[in-house]
Amino acid sequence: MEDDVKFHISETGHSVVVSHTICEHLSKFYIVEEKEFINHKRFLLSPKDDLFKLPRDLYGEDSFNIWNFNQLSFLIGFYIRNLVIKDDIKFLNIANASHKVNMALDFF
């Protein structure tokens, strides 16, 4: 498979990763809901996916893991994607994604 990942930093300092292959793969996990007022993309995962399992379900009853590491990865991505720093104040700016907020709260 060809490596088509390209990394750019704009003049404003924003980082951008461009990859047709990665975008094509990620698009398999989204469903588009047509609304009267907006084209809405919602993450499409089965409730049986490992992301929603408790650590004991993934690693066994005798495991000392307190994290489902898929959830930890989701939370790190959630933080990186939504973090805003303004006037030295850090906050999460989440627009039109209540299902992602609820998932993050459930994982915490």
N, C-alpha and C. Protein backbone atom coordinates (compact mmCIF):
# COMPACT_ATOMS: atom_id res chain seq x y z
N MET A 1 0.84 -1.17 0.00
CA MET A 1 0.00 0.00 0.00
C MET A 1 0.88 1.24 0.00
N GLU A 2 0.52 2.20 -0.80
CA GLU A 2 1.29 3.43 -0.92
C GLU A 2 1.04 4.35 0.28
N ASP A 3 2.08 4.96 0.79
CA ASP A 3 1.97 5.90 1.91
C ASP A 3 1.64 7.28 1.33
N ASP A 4 0.38 7.71 1.50
CA ASP A 4 -0.02 9.01 0.94
C ASP A 4 -0.25 10.05 2.03
N VAL A 5 0.28 9.82 3.23
CA VAL A 5 0.08 10.75 4.35
C VAL A 5 1.01 11.95 4.18
N LYS A 6 0.39 13.12 4.23
CA LYS A 6 1.16 14.36 4.12
C LYS A 6 0.83 15.24 5.32
N PHE A 7 1.84 15.85 5.92
CA PHE A 7 1.67 16.71 7.09
C PHE A 7 2.03 18.14 6.70
N HIS A 8 1.15 19.08 7.04
CA HIS A 8 1.37 20.49 6.73
C HIS A 8 1.15 21.33 7.98
N ILE A 9 1.91 22.40 8.11
CA ILE A 9 1.65 23.40 9.14
C ILE A 9 1.38 24.71 8.40
N SER A 10 0.19 25.27 8.61
CA SER A 10 -0.19 26.50 7.91
C SER A 10 0.51 27.70 8.53
N GLU A 11 0.35 28.86 7.87
CA GLU A 11 0.96 30.09 8.38
C GLU A 11 0.40 30.46 9.75
N THR A 12 -0.83 30.02 10.04
CA THR A 12 -1.45 30.33 11.33
C THR A 12 -1.01 29.37 12.42
N GLY A 13 -0.21 28.35 12.04
CA GLY A 13 0.28 27.39 13.02
C GLY A 13 -0.58 26.15 13.18
N HIS A 14 -1.68 26.06 12.41
CA HIS A 14 -2.54 24.88 12.48
C HIS A 14 -1.89 23.70 11.76
N SER A 15 -1.96 22.54 12.39
CA SER A 15 -1.42 21.32 11.80
C SER A 15 -2.50 20.61 10.99
N VAL A 16 -2.13 20.10 9.85
CA VAL A 16 -3.07 19.40 8.98
C VAL A 16 -2.42 18.11 8.49
N VAL A 17 -3.15 17.01 8.62
CA VAL A 17 -2.70 15.75 8.04
C VAL A 17 -3.66 15.40 6.92
N VAL A 18 -3.12 15.15 5.74
CA VAL A 18 -3.93 14.83 4.58
C VAL A 18 -3.59 13.42 4.11
N SER A 19 -4.62 12.59 3.96
CA SER A 19 -4.42 11.24 3.44
C SER A 19 -5.73 10.73 2.87
N HIS A 20 -5.76 10.53 1.55
CA HIS A 20 -6.95 9.99 0.91
C HIS A 20 -7.25 8.59 1.44
N THR A 21 -6.21 7.78 1.63
CA THR A 21 -6.38 6.40 2.11
C THR A 21 -6.99 6.36 3.50
N ILE A 22 -6.48 7.18 4.42
CA ILE A 22 -7.02 7.20 5.79
C ILE A 22 -8.46 7.72 5.79
N CYS A 23 -8.72 8.80 5.03
CA CYS A 23 -10.08 9.35 4.97
C CYS A 23 -11.06 8.33 4.40
N GLU A 24 -10.64 7.61 3.40
CA GLU A 24 -11.50 6.59 2.81
C GLU A 24 -11.82 5.50 3.83
N HIS A 25 -10.82 5.09 4.60
CA HIS A 25 -11.03 4.07 5.63
C HIS A 25 -11.95 4.58 6.73
N LEU A 26 -11.71 5.80 7.23
CA LEU A 26 -12.52 6.36 8.30
C LEU A 26 -13.97 6.57 7.87
N SER A 27 -14.18 6.89 6.60
CA SER A 27 -15.55 7.14 6.14
C SER A 27 -16.42 5.90 6.22
N LYS A 28 -15.81 4.73 6.31
CA LYS A 28 -16.58 3.48 6.46
C LYS A 28 -17.26 3.40 7.81
N PHE A 29 -16.80 4.20 8.77
CA PHE A 29 -17.33 4.15 10.13
C PHE A 29 -18.34 5.25 10.42
N TYR A 30 -18.73 6.01 9.41
CA TYR A 30 -19.69 7.08 9.60
C TYR A 30 -20.93 6.83 8.77
N ILE A 31 -22.04 7.30 9.28
CA ILE A 31 -23.29 7.25 8.52
C ILE A 31 -23.76 8.69 8.36
N VAL A 32 -24.26 9.02 7.20
CA VAL A 32 -24.75 10.36 6.95
C VAL A 32 -26.26 10.36 7.10
N GLU A 33 -26.76 11.22 7.99
CA GLU A 33 -28.19 11.37 8.19
C GLU A 33 -28.62 12.65 7.50
N GLU A 34 -29.52 12.54 6.54
CA GLU A 34 -30.02 13.73 5.86
C GLU A 34 -31.09 14.38 6.73
N LYS A 35 -30.87 15.60 7.11
CA LYS A 35 -31.85 16.38 7.86
C LYS A 35 -32.33 17.51 6.95
N GLU A 36 -33.43 18.10 7.31
CA GLU A 36 -33.96 19.20 6.50
C GLU A 36 -32.99 20.37 6.46
N PHE A 37 -32.26 20.56 7.57
CA PHE A 37 -31.46 21.77 7.68
C PHE A 37 -29.95 21.51 7.62
N ILE A 38 -29.54 20.24 7.66
CA ILE A 38 -28.09 19.99 7.73
C ILE A 38 -27.77 18.58 7.26
N ASN A 39 -26.59 18.42 6.71
CA ASN A 39 -26.05 17.10 6.40
C ASN A 39 -25.27 16.66 7.63
N HIS A 40 -25.72 15.67 8.34
CA HIS A 40 -25.14 15.32 9.63
C HIS A 40 -24.41 13.99 9.52
N LYS A 41 -23.14 13.99 9.95
CA LYS A 41 -22.38 12.74 9.99
C LYS A 41 -22.34 12.25 11.42
N ARG A 42 -22.65 11.00 11.62
CA ARG A 42 -22.64 10.43 12.96
C ARG A 42 -21.77 9.18 12.94
N PHE A 43 -20.94 9.05 13.96
CA PHE A 43 -20.06 7.89 14.06
C PHE A 43 -20.89 6.63 14.17
N LEU A 44 -20.61 5.66 13.33
CA LEU A 44 -21.39 4.44 13.25
C LEU A 44 -20.59 3.28 13.84
N LEU A 45 -20.93 2.89 15.05
CA LEU A 45 -20.27 1.76 15.69
C LEU A 45 -21.33 0.88 16.34
N SER A 46 -21.10 -0.39 16.30
CA SER A 46 -21.99 -1.32 16.98
C SER A 46 -21.79 -1.18 18.49
N PRO A 47 -22.87 -1.25 19.27
CA PRO A 47 -22.71 -1.23 20.73
C PRO A 47 -21.90 -2.42 21.24
N LYS A 48 -21.69 -3.42 20.38
CA LYS A 48 -20.89 -4.59 20.76
C LYS A 48 -19.40 -4.39 20.47
N ASP A 49 -19.05 -3.23 19.89
CA ASP A 49 -17.65 -2.94 19.58
C ASP A 49 -16.84 -2.88 20.87
N ASP A 50 -15.54 -3.21 20.78
CA ASP A 50 -14.64 -3.19 21.95
C ASP A 50 -14.62 -1.84 22.65
N LEU A 51 -14.91 -0.77 21.93
CA LEU A 51 -14.90 0.57 22.51
C LEU A 51 -15.87 0.67 23.68
N PHE A 52 -16.95 -0.11 23.66
CA PHE A 52 -17.99 0.00 24.68
C PHE A 52 -17.89 -1.07 25.76
N LYS A 53 -16.85 -1.90 25.72
CA LYS A 53 -16.73 -2.98 26.70
C LYS A 53 -15.98 -2.52 27.94
N LEU A 54 -16.32 -3.12 29.05
CA LEU A 54 -15.60 -2.87 30.30
C LEU A 54 -14.25 -3.58 30.26
N PRO A 55 -13.26 -3.08 30.99
CA PRO A 55 -11.94 -3.72 30.99
C PRO A 55 -12.00 -5.21 31.34
N ARG A 56 -12.84 -5.59 32.30
CA ARG A 56 -12.90 -7.01 32.68
C ARG A 56 -13.44 -7.88 31.55
N ASP A 57 -14.30 -7.29 30.69
CA ASP A 57 -14.82 -8.03 29.54
C ASP A 57 -13.74 -8.24 28.48
N LEU A 58 -12.83 -7.27 28.37
CA LEU A 58 -11.76 -7.36 27.37
C LEU A 58 -10.57 -8.17 27.85
N TYR A 59 -10.18 -7.98 29.12
CA TYR A 59 -8.92 -8.52 29.60
C TYR A 59 -9.09 -9.65 30.61
N GLY A 60 -10.33 -9.96 30.97
CA GLY A 60 -10.57 -11.06 31.91
C GLY A 60 -10.78 -10.57 33.33
N GLU A 61 -11.43 -11.41 34.10
CA GLU A 61 -11.77 -11.06 35.49
C GLU A 61 -10.53 -10.83 36.36
N ASP A 62 -9.44 -11.54 36.08
CA ASP A 62 -8.23 -11.45 36.92
C ASP A 62 -7.31 -10.30 36.51
N SER A 63 -7.74 -9.50 35.53
CA SER A 63 -6.89 -8.43 35.02
C SER A 63 -6.88 -7.25 36.00
N PHE A 64 -5.73 -6.56 36.04
CA PHE A 64 -5.61 -5.36 36.86
C PHE A 64 -5.87 -4.09 36.05
N ASN A 65 -6.19 -4.25 34.77
CA ASN A 65 -6.45 -3.07 33.95
C ASN A 65 -7.70 -2.36 34.43
N ILE A 66 -7.60 -1.04 34.60
CA ILE A 66 -8.77 -0.27 34.97
C ILE A 66 -9.31 0.50 33.78
N TRP A 67 -8.58 0.45 32.66
CA TRP A 67 -8.98 1.17 31.44
C TRP A 67 -9.26 0.18 30.33
N ASN A 68 -10.26 0.48 29.54
CA ASN A 68 -10.38 -0.08 28.21
C ASN A 68 -9.54 0.85 27.34
N PHE A 69 -8.42 0.37 26.82
CA PHE A 69 -7.47 1.25 26.15
C PHE A 69 -8.04 1.83 24.85
N ASN A 70 -9.07 1.20 24.28
CA ASN A 70 -9.78 1.81 23.15
C ASN A 70 -10.49 3.07 23.60
N GLN A 71 -11.05 3.05 24.80
CA GLN A 71 -11.71 4.23 25.34
C GLN A 71 -10.69 5.32 25.65
N LEU A 72 -9.55 4.92 26.20
CA LEU A 72 -8.50 5.89 26.50
C LEU A 72 -8.03 6.58 25.23
N SER A 73 -7.87 5.82 24.16
CA SER A 73 -7.47 6.38 22.87
C SER A 73 -8.53 7.36 22.37
N PHE A 74 -9.81 6.98 22.51
CA PHE A 74 -10.90 7.87 22.10
C PHE A 74 -10.84 9.18 22.89
N LEU A 75 -10.64 9.07 24.21
CA LEU A 75 -10.62 10.27 25.06
C LEU A 75 -9.44 11.18 24.73
N ILE A 76 -8.28 10.59 24.43
CA ILE A 76 -7.12 11.40 24.05
C ILE A 76 -7.40 12.14 22.75
N GLY A 77 -7.97 11.43 21.76
CA GLY A 77 -8.34 12.07 20.50
C GLY A 77 -9.39 13.14 20.69
N PHE A 78 -10.36 12.87 21.56
CA PHE A 78 -11.43 13.82 21.88
C PHE A 78 -10.83 15.10 22.46
N TYR A 79 -9.88 14.95 23.36
CA TYR A 79 -9.21 16.08 24.00
C TYR A 79 -8.40 16.88 22.97
N ILE A 80 -7.60 16.18 22.17
CA ILE A 80 -6.76 16.86 21.18
C ILE A 80 -7.62 17.61 20.16
N ARG A 81 -8.69 16.96 19.72
CA ARG A 81 -9.54 17.55 18.67
C ARG A 81 -10.31 18.77 19.17
N ASN A 82 -10.75 18.75 20.42
CA ASN A 82 -11.66 19.79 20.90
C ASN A 82 -11.04 20.81 21.84
N LEU A 83 -9.76 20.66 22.16
CA LEU A 83 -9.12 21.59 23.09
C LEU A 83 -8.94 22.97 22.47
N VAL A 84 -9.33 23.99 23.21
CA VAL A 84 -9.14 25.38 22.80
C VAL A 84 -8.45 26.10 23.96
N ILE A 85 -7.47 26.92 23.62
CA ILE A 85 -6.80 27.74 24.64
C ILE A 85 -7.01 29.20 24.24
N LYS A 86 -7.68 29.94 25.11
CA LYS A 86 -7.94 31.35 24.84
C LYS A 86 -7.65 32.13 26.11
N ASP A 87 -6.79 33.13 25.99
CA ASP A 87 -6.39 33.95 27.15
C ASP A 87 -5.89 33.07 28.29
N ASP A 88 -5.07 32.08 27.96
CA ASP A 88 -4.48 31.15 28.93
C ASP A 88 -5.50 30.29 29.66
N ILE A 89 -6.73 30.23 29.16
CA ILE A 89 -7.76 29.37 29.73
C ILE A 89 -7.99 28.21 28.77
N LYS A 90 -7.91 26.99 29.29
CA LYS A 90 -8.14 25.80 28.47
C LYS A 90 -9.57 25.32 28.64
N PHE A 91 -10.22 25.01 27.52
CA PHE A 91 -11.56 24.44 27.59
C PHE A 91 -11.80 23.59 26.35
N LEU A 92 -12.82 22.74 26.42
CA LEU A 92 -13.19 21.90 25.28
C LEU A 92 -14.33 22.58 24.55
N ASN A 93 -14.14 22.79 23.27
CA ASN A 93 -15.16 23.43 22.43
C ASN A 93 -15.78 22.35 21.56
N ILE A 94 -16.99 21.94 21.89
CA ILE A 94 -17.64 20.83 21.20
C ILE A 94 -18.95 21.33 20.61
N ALA A 95 -19.01 21.37 19.29
CA ALA A 95 -20.21 21.88 18.63
C ALA A 95 -20.96 20.75 17.94
N ASN A 96 -22.26 20.67 18.20
CA ASN A 96 -23.14 19.73 17.50
C ASN A 96 -22.68 18.29 17.58
N ALA A 97 -22.18 17.88 18.74
CA ALA A 97 -21.70 16.51 18.88
C ALA A 97 -22.07 15.96 20.25
N SER A 98 -23.34 16.07 20.61
CA SER A 98 -23.75 15.64 21.95
C SER A 98 -23.51 14.15 22.16
N HIS A 99 -23.60 13.34 21.11
CA HIS A 99 -23.35 11.90 21.27
C HIS A 99 -21.89 11.64 21.64
N LYS A 100 -20.96 12.43 21.11
CA LYS A 100 -19.55 12.26 21.47
C LYS A 100 -19.31 12.72 22.90
N VAL A 101 -19.97 13.80 23.30
CA VAL A 101 -19.84 14.29 24.68
C VAL A 101 -20.36 13.22 25.64
N ASN A 102 -21.51 12.65 25.33
CA ASN A 102 -22.09 11.61 26.20
C ASN A 102 -21.19 10.39 26.27
N MET A 103 -20.56 10.00 25.14
CA MET A 103 -19.63 8.87 25.16
C MET A 103 -18.45 9.18 26.06
N ALA A 104 -17.89 10.39 25.92
CA ALA A 104 -16.73 10.77 26.73
C ALA A 104 -17.10 10.76 28.21
N LEU A 105 -18.25 11.29 28.57
CA LEU A 105 -18.69 11.29 29.97
C LEU A 105 -18.88 9.87 30.49
N ASP A 106 -19.45 9.01 29.66
CA ASP A 106 -19.62 7.61 30.07
C ASP A 106 -18.28 6.92 30.32
N PHE A 107 -17.29 7.21 29.46
CA PHE A 107 -15.98 6.58 29.60
C PHE A 107 -15.26 7.09 30.85
N PHE A 108 -15.45 8.39 31.17
CA PHE A 108 -14.87 8.93 32.40
C PHE A 108 -15.56 8.33 33.61
